[in-house]
């Protein structure tokens, strides 16, 4: 996936209410890292550009976000403005 497409996918997830954003940061769930006492499992506030860079090479994450955006966009009671997957290419 190209960087622009990864960024657009994250922005669509924000517009659908799937990811919370504060300025240039988004909140992401991280599994426990190494060493575990320094990087515990939990929510982290990270720059959206850094997350987009990481998402470029994460096919599983791309597919998960795409499916969640599509589900939210296709839900009849969804009132999110701009919630769609149009124009995002998942190919690497």
PDB file of N, CA and C in Angstrom:
ATOM      1  N   UNK A   1       0.852  -1.174   0.000  1.00  0.00           N
ATOM      2  CA  UNK A   1       0.000   0.000   0.000  1.00  0.00           C
ATOM      3  C   UNK A   1       0.892   1.230   0.000  1.00  0.00           C
ATOM      4  N   UNK A   2       0.513   2.210  -0.774  1.00  0.00           N
ATOM      5  CA  UNK A   2       1.252   3.467  -0.812  1.00  0.00           C
ATOM      6  C   UNK A   2       0.910   4.304   0.429  1.00  0.00           C
ATOM      7  N   UNK A   3       1.839   5.196   0.796  1.00  0.00           N
ATOM      8  CA  UNK A   3       1.665   6.007   2.000  1.00  0.00           C
ATOM      9  C   UNK A   3       0.361   6.805   1.960  1.00  0.00           C
ATOM     10  N   UNK A   4       0.068   7.435   0.839  1.00  0.00           N
ATOM     11  CA  UNK A   4      -1.141   8.253   0.734  1.00  0.00           C
ATOM     12  C   UNK A   4      -2.396   7.420   0.990  1.00  0.00           C
ATOM     13  N   UNK A   5      -2.424   6.191   0.459  1.00  0.00           N
ATOM     14  CA  UNK A   5      -3.576   5.317   0.666  1.00  0.00           C
ATOM     15  C   UNK A   5      -3.699   4.890   2.130  1.00  0.00           C
ATOM     16  N   UNK A   6      -2.573   4.633   2.782  1.00  0.00           N
ATOM     17  CA  UNK A   6      -2.592   4.280   4.204  1.00  0.00           C
ATOM     18  C   UNK A   6      -3.119   5.453   5.030  1.00  0.00           C
ATOM     19  N   UNK A   7      -2.668   6.649   4.720  1.00  0.00           N
ATOM     20  CA  UNK A   7      -3.123   7.839   5.432  1.00  0.00           C
ATOM     21  C   UNK A   7      -4.623   8.057   5.194  1.00  0.00           C
ATOM     22  N   UNK A   8      -5.055   7.890   3.952  1.00  0.00           N
ATOM     23  CA  UNK A   8      -6.470   8.069   3.619  1.00  0.00           C
ATOM     24  C   UNK A   8      -7.327   7.034   4.347  1.00  0.00           C
ATOM     25  N   UNK A   9      -6.859   5.799   4.442  1.00  0.00           N
ATOM     26  CA  UNK A   9      -7.595   4.756   5.149  1.00  0.00           C
ATOM     27  C   UNK A   9      -7.745   5.117   6.627  1.00  0.00           C
ATOM     28  N   UNK A  10      -6.680   5.604   7.248  1.00  0.00           N
ATOM     29  CA  UNK A  10      -6.759   6.035   8.643  1.00  0.00           C
ATOM     30  C   UNK A  10      -7.722   7.212   8.799  1.00  0.00           C
ATOM     31  N   UNK A  11      -7.658   8.169   7.883  1.00  0.00           N
ATOM     32  CA  UNK A  11      -8.558   9.323   7.951  1.00  0.00           C
ATOM     33  C   UNK A  11     -10.016   8.895   7.793  1.00  0.00           C
ATOM     34  N   UNK A  12     -10.270   7.906   6.928  1.00  0.00           N
ATOM     35  CA  UNK A  12     -11.627   7.397   6.764  1.00  0.00           C
ATOM     36  C   UNK A  12     -12.091   6.701   8.037  1.00  0.00           C
ATOM     37  N   UNK A  13     -11.195   5.959   8.687  1.00  0.00           N
ATOM     38  CA  UNK A  13     -11.541   5.307   9.950  1.00  0.00           C
ATOM     39  C   UNK A  13     -11.884   6.350  11.012  1.00  0.00           C
ATOM     40  N   UNK A  14     -11.180   7.470  11.003  1.00  0.00           N
ATOM     41  CA  UNK A  14     -11.492   8.571  11.922  1.00  0.00           C
ATOM     42  C   UNK A  14     -12.865   9.144  11.587  1.00  0.00           C
ATOM     43  N   UNK A  15     -13.122   9.415  10.305  1.00  0.00           N
ATOM     44  CA  UNK A  15     -14.400  10.019   9.913  1.00  0.00           C
ATOM     45  C   UNK A  15     -15.582   9.095  10.195  1.00  0.00           C
ATOM     46  N   UNK A  16     -15.327   7.780  10.256  1.00  0.00           N
ATOM     47  CA  UNK A  16     -16.378   6.811  10.561  1.00  0.00           C
ATOM     48  C   UNK A  16     -16.547   6.607  12.073  1.00  0.00           C
ATOM     49  N   UNK A  17     -15.705   7.242  12.855  1.00  0.00           N
ATOM     50  CA  UNK A  17     -15.801   7.103  14.300  1.00  0.00           C
ATOM     51  C   UNK A  17     -15.134   5.855  14.849  1.00  0.00           C
ATOM     52  N   UNK A  18     -14.308   5.193  14.033  1.00  0.00           N
ATOM     53  CA  UNK A  18     -13.633   3.974  14.461  1.00  0.00           C
ATOM     54  C   UNK A  18     -12.342   4.258  15.215  1.00  0.00           C
ATOM     55  N   UNK A  19     -11.725   5.388  14.920  1.00  0.00           N
ATOM     56  CA  UNK A  19     -10.476   5.797  15.556  1.00  0.00           C
ATOM     57  C   UNK A  19     -10.670   7.220  16.059  1.00  0.00           C
ATOM     58  N   UNK A  20     -10.186   7.479  17.250  1.00  0.00           N
ATOM     59  CA  UNK A  20     -10.262   8.830  17.813  1.00  0.00           C
ATOM     60  C   UNK A  20      -9.011   9.614  17.431  1.00  0.00           C
ATOM     61  N   UNK A  21      -9.192  10.889  17.130  1.00  0.00           N
ATOM     62  CA  UNK A  21      -8.085  11.746  16.721  1.00  0.00           C
ATOM     63  C   UNK A  21      -8.056  12.992  17.582  1.00  0.00           C
ATOM     64  N   UNK A  22      -6.848  13.449  17.885  1.00  0.00           N
ATOM     65  CA  UNK A  22      -6.631  14.693  18.615  1.00  0.00           C
ATOM     66  C   UNK A  22      -5.491  15.424  17.913  1.00  0.00           C
ATOM     67  N   UNK A  23      -5.847  16.413  17.117  1.00  0.00           N
ATOM     68  CA  UNK A  23      -4.824  17.112  16.331  1.00  0.00           C
ATOM     69  C   UNK A  23      -4.235  16.171  15.300  1.00  0.00           C
ATOM     70  N   UNK A  24      -2.901  16.040  15.296  1.00  0.00           N
ATOM     71  CA  UNK A  24      -2.226  15.138  14.358  1.00  0.00           C
ATOM     72  C   UNK A  24      -2.036  13.740  14.925  1.00  0.00           C
ATOM     73  N   UNK A  25      -2.574  13.500  16.106  1.00  0.00           N
ATOM     74  CA  UNK A  25      -2.405  12.205  16.763  1.00  0.00           C
ATOM     75  C   UNK A  25      -3.690  11.392  16.705  1.00  0.00           C
ATOM     76  N   UNK A  26      -3.516  10.065  16.645  1.00  0.00           N
ATOM     77  CA  UNK A  26      -4.638   9.150  16.769  1.00  0.00           C
ATOM     78  C   UNK A  26      -4.322   8.193  17.910  1.00  0.00           C
ATOM     79  N   UNK A  27      -5.353   7.533  18.406  1.00  0.00           N
ATOM     80  CA  UNK A  27      -5.180   6.595  19.502  1.00  0.00           C
ATOM     81  C   UNK A  27      -5.233   5.175  18.944  1.00  0.00           C
ATOM     82  N   UNK A  28      -4.169   4.412  19.205  1.00  0.00           N
ATOM     83  CA  UNK A  28      -4.053   3.053  18.674  1.00  0.00           C
ATOM     84  C   UNK A  28      -3.820   2.067  19.819  1.00  0.00           C
ATOM     85  N   UNK A  29      -4.334   0.854  19.665  1.00  0.00           N
ATOM     86  CA  UNK A  29      -4.130  -0.211  20.639  1.00  0.00           C
ATOM     87  C   UNK A  29      -2.859  -0.963  20.259  1.00  0.00           C
ATOM     88  N   UNK A  30      -1.993  -1.140  21.232  1.00  0.00           N
ATOM     89  CA  UNK A  30      -0.742  -1.877  21.001  1.00  0.00           C
ATOM     90  C   UNK A  30      -0.692  -3.092  21.906  1.00  0.00           C
ATOM     91  N   UNK A  31      -0.271  -4.204  21.338  1.00  0.00           N
ATOM     92  CA  UNK A  31      -0.031  -5.391  22.150  1.00  0.00           C
ATOM     93  C   UNK A  31       1.248  -5.174  22.940  1.00  0.00           C
ATOM     94  N   UNK A  32       1.472  -6.013  23.924  1.00  0.00           N
ATOM     95  CA  UNK A  32       2.648  -5.883  24.771  1.00  0.00           C
ATOM     96  C   UNK A  32       3.916  -5.945  23.912  1.00  0.00           C
ATOM     97  N   UNK A  33       4.864  -5.061  24.224  1.00  0.00           N
ATOM     98  CA  UNK A  33       6.114  -4.991  23.472  1.00  0.00           C
ATOM     99  C   UNK A  33       7.265  -5.608  24.241  1.00  0.00           C
ATOM    100  N   UNK A  34       8.466  -5.324  23.783  1.00  0.00           N
ATOM    101  CA  UNK A  34       9.653  -5.877  24.411  1.00  0.00           C
ATOM    102  C   UNK A  34      10.603  -4.749  24.783  1.00  0.00           C
ATOM    103  N   UNK A  35      10.959  -4.591  26.018  1.00  0.00           N
ATOM    104  CA  UNK A  35      10.566  -5.363  27.201  1.00  0.00           C
ATOM    105  C   UNK A  35       9.162  -4.990  27.673  1.00  0.00           C
ATOM    106  N   UNK A  36       8.411  -5.975  28.181  1.00  0.00           N
ATOM    107  CA  UNK A  36       7.011  -5.758  28.569  1.00  0.00           C
ATOM    108  C   UNK A  36       6.801  -4.673  29.619  1.00  0.00           C
ATOM    109  N   UNK A  37       7.742  -4.509  30.527  1.00  0.00           N
ATOM    110  CA  UNK A  37       7.561  -3.496  31.565  1.00  0.00           C
ATOM    111  C   UNK A  37       7.698  -2.078  31.018  1.00  0.00           C
ATOM    112  N   UNK A  38       8.365  -1.903  29.896  1.00  0.00           N
ATOM    113  CA  UNK A  38       8.501  -0.585  29.269  1.00  0.00           C
ATOM    114  C   UNK A  38       7.423  -0.333  28.213  1.00  0.00           C
ATOM    115  N   UNK A  39       6.896  -1.395  27.618  1.00  0.00           N
ATOM    116  CA  UNK A  39       5.901  -1.276  26.558  1.00  0.00           C
ATOM    117  C   UNK A  39       4.696  -2.170  26.847  1.00  0.00           C
ATOM    118  N   UNK A  40       3.897  -1.790  27.851  1.00  0.00           N
ATOM    119  CA  UNK A  40       2.736  -2.621  28.197  1.00  0.00           C
ATOM    120  C   UNK A  40       1.644  -2.542  27.135  1.00  0.00           C
ATOM    121  N   UNK A  41       0.782  -3.539  27.130  1.00  0.00           N
ATOM    122  CA  UNK A  41      -0.372  -3.534  26.250  1.00  0.00           C
ATOM    123  C   UNK A  41      -1.283  -2.377  26.634  1.00  0.00           C
ATOM    124  N   UNK A  42      -1.836  -1.704  25.635  1.00  0.00           N
ATOM    125  CA  UNK A  42      -2.771  -0.636  25.939  1.00  0.00           C
ATOM    126  C   UNK A  42      -2.899   0.371  24.813  1.00  0.00           C
ATOM    127  N   UNK A  43      -3.604   1.459  25.121  1.00  0.00           N
ATOM    128  CA  UNK A  43      -3.831   2.535  24.157  1.00  0.00           C
ATOM    129  C   UNK A  43      -2.654   3.485  24.162  1.00  0.00           C
ATOM    130  N   UNK A  44      -2.227   3.870  22.960  1.00  0.00           N
ATOM    131  CA  UNK A  44      -1.125   4.810  22.803  1.00  0.00           C
ATOM    132  C   UNK A  44      -1.559   5.936  21.869  1.00  0.00           C
ATOM    133  N   UNK A  45      -1.104   7.129  22.169  1.00  0.00           N
ATOM    134  CA  UNK A  45      -1.348   8.287  21.318  1.00  0.00           C
ATOM    135  C   UNK A  45      -0.138   8.432  20.398  1.00  0.00           C
ATOM    136  N   UNK A  46      -0.396   8.330  19.076  1.00  0.00           N
ATOM    137  CA  UNK A  46       0.706   8.359  18.103  1.00  0.00           C
ATOM    138  C   UNK A  46       0.358   9.273  16.935  1.00  0.00           C
ATOM    139  N   UNK A  47       1.385   9.817  16.323  1.00  0.00           N
ATOM    140  CA  UNK A  47       1.207  10.684  15.170  1.00  0.00           C
ATOM    141  C   UNK A  47       0.623   9.874  14.014  1.00  0.00           C
ATOM    142  N   UNK A  48      -0.399  10.428  13.372  1.00  0.00           N
ATOM    143  CA  UNK A  48      -1.082   9.715  12.291  1.00  0.00           C
ATOM    144  C   UNK A  48      -0.139   9.388  11.134  1.00  0.00           C
ATOM    145  N   UNK A  49       0.853  10.233  10.893  1.00  0.00           N
ATOM    146  CA  UNK A  49       1.812   9.980   9.811  1.00  0.00           C
ATOM    147  C   UNK A  49       2.669   8.750  10.128  1.00  0.00           C
ATOM    148  N   UNK A  50       3.065   8.599  11.389  1.00  0.00           N
ATOM    149  CA  UNK A  50       3.859   7.436  11.798  1.00  0.00           C
ATOM    150  C   UNK A  50       3.044   6.155  11.679  1.00  0.00           C
ATOM    151  N   UNK A  51       1.782   6.224  12.071  1.00  0.00           N
ATOM    152  CA  UNK A  51       0.917   5.045  11.976  1.00  0.00           C
ATOM    153  C   UNK A  51       0.671   4.695  10.511  1.00  0.00           C
ATOM    154  N   UNK A  52       0.492   5.705   9.662  1.00  0.00           N
ATOM    155  CA  UNK A  52       0.308   5.452   8.226  1.00  0.00           C
ATOM    156  C   UNK A  52       1.547   4.773   7.638  1.00  0.00           C
ATOM    157  N   UNK A  53       2.725   5.211   8.059  1.00  0.00           N
ATOM    158  CA  UNK A  53       3.978   4.599   7.595  1.00  0.00           C
ATOM    159  C   UNK A  53       4.012   3.117   7.976  1.00  0.00           C
ATOM    160  N   UNK A  54       3.588   2.816   9.178  1.00  0.00           N
ATOM    161  CA  UNK A  54       3.555   1.433   9.647  1.00  0.00           C
ATOM    162  C   UNK A  54       2.493   0.618   8.909  1.00  0.00           C
ATOM    163  N   UNK A  55       1.326   1.223   8.685  1.00  0.00           N
ATOM    164  CA  UNK A  55       0.214   0.542   8.022  1.00  0.00           C
ATOM    165  C   UNK A  55       0.544   0.171   6.575  1.00  0.00           C
ATOM    166  N   UNK A  56       1.441   0.906   5.937  1.00  0.00           N
ATOM    167  CA  UNK A  56       1.810   0.633   4.547  1.00  0.00           C
ATOM    168  C   UNK A  56       2.216  -0.831   4.341  1.00  0.00           C
ATOM    169  N   UNK A  57       2.882  -1.425   5.337  1.00  0.00           N
ATOM    170  CA  UNK A  57       3.406  -2.784   5.207  1.00  0.00           C
ATOM    171  C   UNK A  57       2.633  -3.806   6.032  1.00  0.00           C
ATOM    172  N   UNK A  58       1.484  -3.413   6.551  1.00  0.00           N
ATOM    173  CA  UNK A  58       0.684  -4.298   7.401  1.00  0.00           C
ATOM    174  C   UNK A  58      -0.596  -4.692   6.668  1.00  0.00           C
ATOM    175  N   UNK A  59      -0.505  -5.734   5.846  1.00  0.00           N
ATOM    176  CA  UNK A  59      -1.653  -6.146   5.034  1.00  0.00           C
ATOM    177  C   UNK A  59      -2.838  -6.573   5.892  1.00  0.00           C
ATOM    178  N   UNK A  60      -2.579  -7.242   6.998  1.00  0.00           N
ATOM    179  CA  UNK A  60      -3.657  -7.673   7.893  1.00  0.00           C
ATOM    180  C   UNK A  60      -4.373  -6.449   8.489  1.00  0.00           C
ATOM    181  N   UNK A  61      -3.604  -5.460   8.900  1.00  0.00           N
ATOM    182  CA  UNK A  61      -4.178  -4.231   9.445  1.00  0.00           C
ATOM    183  C   UNK A  61      -4.966  -3.460   8.395  1.00  0.00           C
ATOM    184  N   UNK A  62      -4.455  -3.420   7.169  1.00  0.00           N
ATOM    185  CA  UNK A  62      -5.156  -2.750   6.066  1.00  0.00           C
ATOM    186  C   UNK A  62      -6.513  -3.395   5.839  1.00  0.00           C
ATOM    187  N   UNK A  63      -6.515  -4.718   5.761  1.00  0.00           N
ATOM    188  CA  UNK A  63      -7.755  -5.440   5.484  1.00  0.00           C
ATOM    189  C   UNK A  63      -8.753  -5.250   6.620  1.00  0.00           C
ATOM    190  N   UNK A  64      -8.272  -5.312   7.866  1.00  0.00           N
ATOM    191  CA  UNK A  64      -9.146  -5.125   9.018  1.00  0.00           C
ATOM    192  C   UNK A  64      -9.798  -3.744   8.988  1.00  0.00           C
ATOM    193  N   UNK A  65      -8.998  -2.695   8.802  1.00  0.00           N
ATOM    194  CA  UNK A  65      -9.545  -1.334   8.771  1.00  0.00           C
ATOM    195  C   UNK A  65     -10.512  -1.148   7.610  1.00  0.00           C
ATOM    196  N   UNK A  66     -10.145  -1.663   6.439  1.00  0.00           N
ATOM    197  CA  UNK A  66     -11.013  -1.546   5.264  1.00  0.00           C
ATOM    198  C   UNK A  66     -12.372  -2.188   5.546  1.00  0.00           C
ATOM    199  N   UNK A  67     -12.365  -3.390   6.099  1.00  0.00           N
ATOM    200  CA  UNK A  67     -13.620  -4.087   6.389  1.00  0.00           C
ATOM    201  C   UNK A  67     -14.453  -3.333   7.423  1.00  0.00           C
ATOM    202  N   UNK A  68     -13.810  -2.781   8.447  1.00  0.00           N
ATOM    203  CA  UNK A  68     -14.543  -2.050   9.479  1.00  0.00           C
ATOM    204  C   UNK A  68     -15.135  -0.750   8.928  1.00  0.00           C
ATOM    205  N   UNK A  69     -14.391  -0.061   8.069  1.00  0.00           N
ATOM    206  CA  UNK A  69     -14.914   1.160   7.451  1.00  0.00           C
ATOM    207  C   UNK A  69     -16.101   0.809   6.563  1.00  0.00           C
ATOM    208  N   UNK A  70     -15.964  -0.250   5.772  1.00  0.00           N
ATOM    209  CA  UNK A  70     -17.063  -0.664   4.895  1.00  0.00           C
ATOM    210  C   UNK A  70     -18.306  -1.035   5.705  1.00  0.00           C
ATOM    211  N   UNK A  71     -18.133  -1.780   6.799  1.00  0.00           N
ATOM    212  CA  UNK A  71     -19.272  -2.159   7.645  1.00  0.00           C
ATOM    213  C   UNK A  71     -19.954  -0.919   8.200  1.00  0.00           C
ATOM    214  N   UNK A  72     -19.159   0.022   8.685  1.00  0.00           N
ATOM    215  CA  UNK A  72     -19.718   1.248   9.270  1.00  0.00           C
ATOM    216  C   UNK A  72     -20.409   2.083   8.198  1.00  0.00           C
ATOM    217  N   UNK A  73     -19.787   2.199   7.035  1.00  0.00           N
ATOM    218  CA  UNK A  73     -20.365   2.995   5.942  1.00  0.00           C
ATOM    219  C   UNK A  73     -21.670   2.390   5.443  1.00  0.00           C
ATOM    220  N   UNK A  74     -21.804   1.073   5.519  1.00  0.00           N
ATOM    221  CA  UNK A  74     -22.995   0.396   5.005  1.00  0.00           C
ATOM    222  C   UNK A  74     -24.090   0.200   6.051  1.00  0.00           C
ATOM    223  N   UNK A  75     -23.844   0.620   7.274  1.00  0.00           N
ATOM    224  CA  UNK A  75     -24.851   0.487   8.319  1.00  0.00           C
ATOM    225  C   UNK A  75     -25.889   1.581   8.137  1.00  0.00           C
ATOM    226  N   UNK A  76     -27.141   1.190   8.131  1.00  0.00           N
ATOM    227  CA  UNK A  76     -28.217   2.135   7.821  1.00  0.00           C
ATOM    228  C   UNK A  76     -28.331   3.270   8.822  1.00  0.00           C
ATOM    229  N   UNK A  77     -27.967   3.041  10.092  1.00  0.00           N
ATOM    230  CA  UNK A  77     -28.105   4.104  11.081  1.00  0.00           C
ATOM    231  C   UNK A  77     -26.836   4.947  11.236  1.00  0.00           C
ATOM    232  N   UNK A  78     -25.891   4.775  10.326  1.00  0.00           N
ATOM    233  CA  UNK A  78     -24.656   5.547  10.376  1.00  0.00           C
ATOM    234  C   UNK A  78     -24.888   6.960   9.855  1.00  0.00           C
ATOM    235  N   UNK A  79     -24.486   7.941  10.622  1.00  0.00           N
ATOM    236  CA  UNK A  79     -24.634   9.332  10.219  1.00  0.00           C
ATOM    237  C   UNK A  79     -23.291  10.041  10.115  1.00  0.00           C
ATOM    238  N   UNK A  80     -22.203   9.282   9.964  1.00  0.00           N
ATOM    239  CA  UNK A  80     -20.889   9.895   9.886  1.00  0.00           C
ATOM    240  C   UNK A  80     -20.683  10.530   8.516  1.00  0.00           C
ATOM    241  N   UNK A  81     -20.200  11.728   8.512  1.00  0.00           N
ATOM    242  CA  UNK A  81     -19.970  12.466   7.274  1.00  0.00           C
ATOM    243  C   UNK A  81     -18.683  11.978   6.617  1.00  0.00           C
ATOM    244  N   UNK A  82     -18.765  11.553   5.381  1.00  0.00           N
ATOM    245  CA  UNK A  82     -17.575  11.149   4.647  1.00  0.00           C
ATOM    246  C   UNK A  82     -17.086   9.755   4.956  1.00  0.00           C
ATOM    247  N   UNK A  83     -17.911   8.920   5.552  1.00  0.00           N
ATOM    248  CA  UNK A  83     -17.505   7.563   5.918  1.00  0.00           C
ATOM    249  C   UNK A  83     -17.649   6.653   4.702  1.00  0.00           C
ATOM    250  N   UNK A  84     -16.519   6.398   4.007  1.00  0.00           N
ATOM    251  CA  UNK A  84     -16.536   5.482   2.868  1.00  0.00           C
ATOM    252  C   UNK A  84     -15.124   4.978   2.613  1.00  0.00           C
ATOM    253  N   UNK A  85     -15.028   3.967   1.770  1.00  0.00           N
ATOM    254  CA  UNK A  85     -13.743   3.352   1.443  1.00  0.00           C
ATOM    255  C   UNK A  85     -13.335   3.688   0.010  1.00  0.00           C
ATOM    256  N   UNK A  86     -14.090   4.518  -0.666  1.00  0.00           N
ATOM    257  CA  UNK A  86     -13.881   4.846  -2.075  1.00  0.00           C
ATOM    258  C   UNK A  86     -12.477   5.388  -2.326  1.00  0.00           C
ATOM    259  N   UNK A  87     -11.815   4.843  -3.328  1.00  0.00           N
ATOM    260  CA  UNK A  87     -10.529   5.373  -3.771  1.00  0.00           C
ATOM    261  C   UNK A  87      -9.307   4.855  -3.038  1.00  0.00           C
ATOM    262  N   UNK A  88      -9.469   3.951  -2.083  1.00  0.00           N
ATOM    263  CA  UNK A  88      -8.331   3.445  -1.328  1.00  0.00           C
ATOM    264  C   UNK A  88      -7.911   2.106  -1.935  1.00  0.00           C
ATOM    265  N   UNK A  89      -6.634   2.016  -2.329  1.00  0.00           N
ATOM    266  CA  UNK A  89      -6.107   0.795  -2.905  1.00  0.00           C
ATOM    267  C   UNK A  89      -5.302   0.040  -1.863  1.00  0.00           C
ATOM    268  N   UNK A  90      -5.658  -1.214  -1.631  1.00  0.00           N
ATOM    269  CA  UNK A  90      -4.985  -2.013  -0.615  1.00  0.00           C
ATOM    270  C   UNK A  90      -3.776  -2.750  -1.158  1.00  0.00           C
ATOM    271  N   UNK A  91      -3.524  -2.665  -2.420  1.00  0.00           N
ATOM    272  CA  UNK A  91      -2.373  -3.378  -2.989  1.00  0.00           C
ATOM    273  C   UNK A  91      -1.083  -2.756  -2.496  1.00  0.00           C
ATOM    274  N   UNK A  92      -0.062  -3.597  -2.328  1.00  0.00           N
ATOM    275  CA  UNK A  92       1.243  -3.122  -1.841  1.00  0.00           C
ATOM    276  C   UNK A  92       2.122  -2.689  -2.978  1.00  0.00           C
TER     277      UNK A  92
END
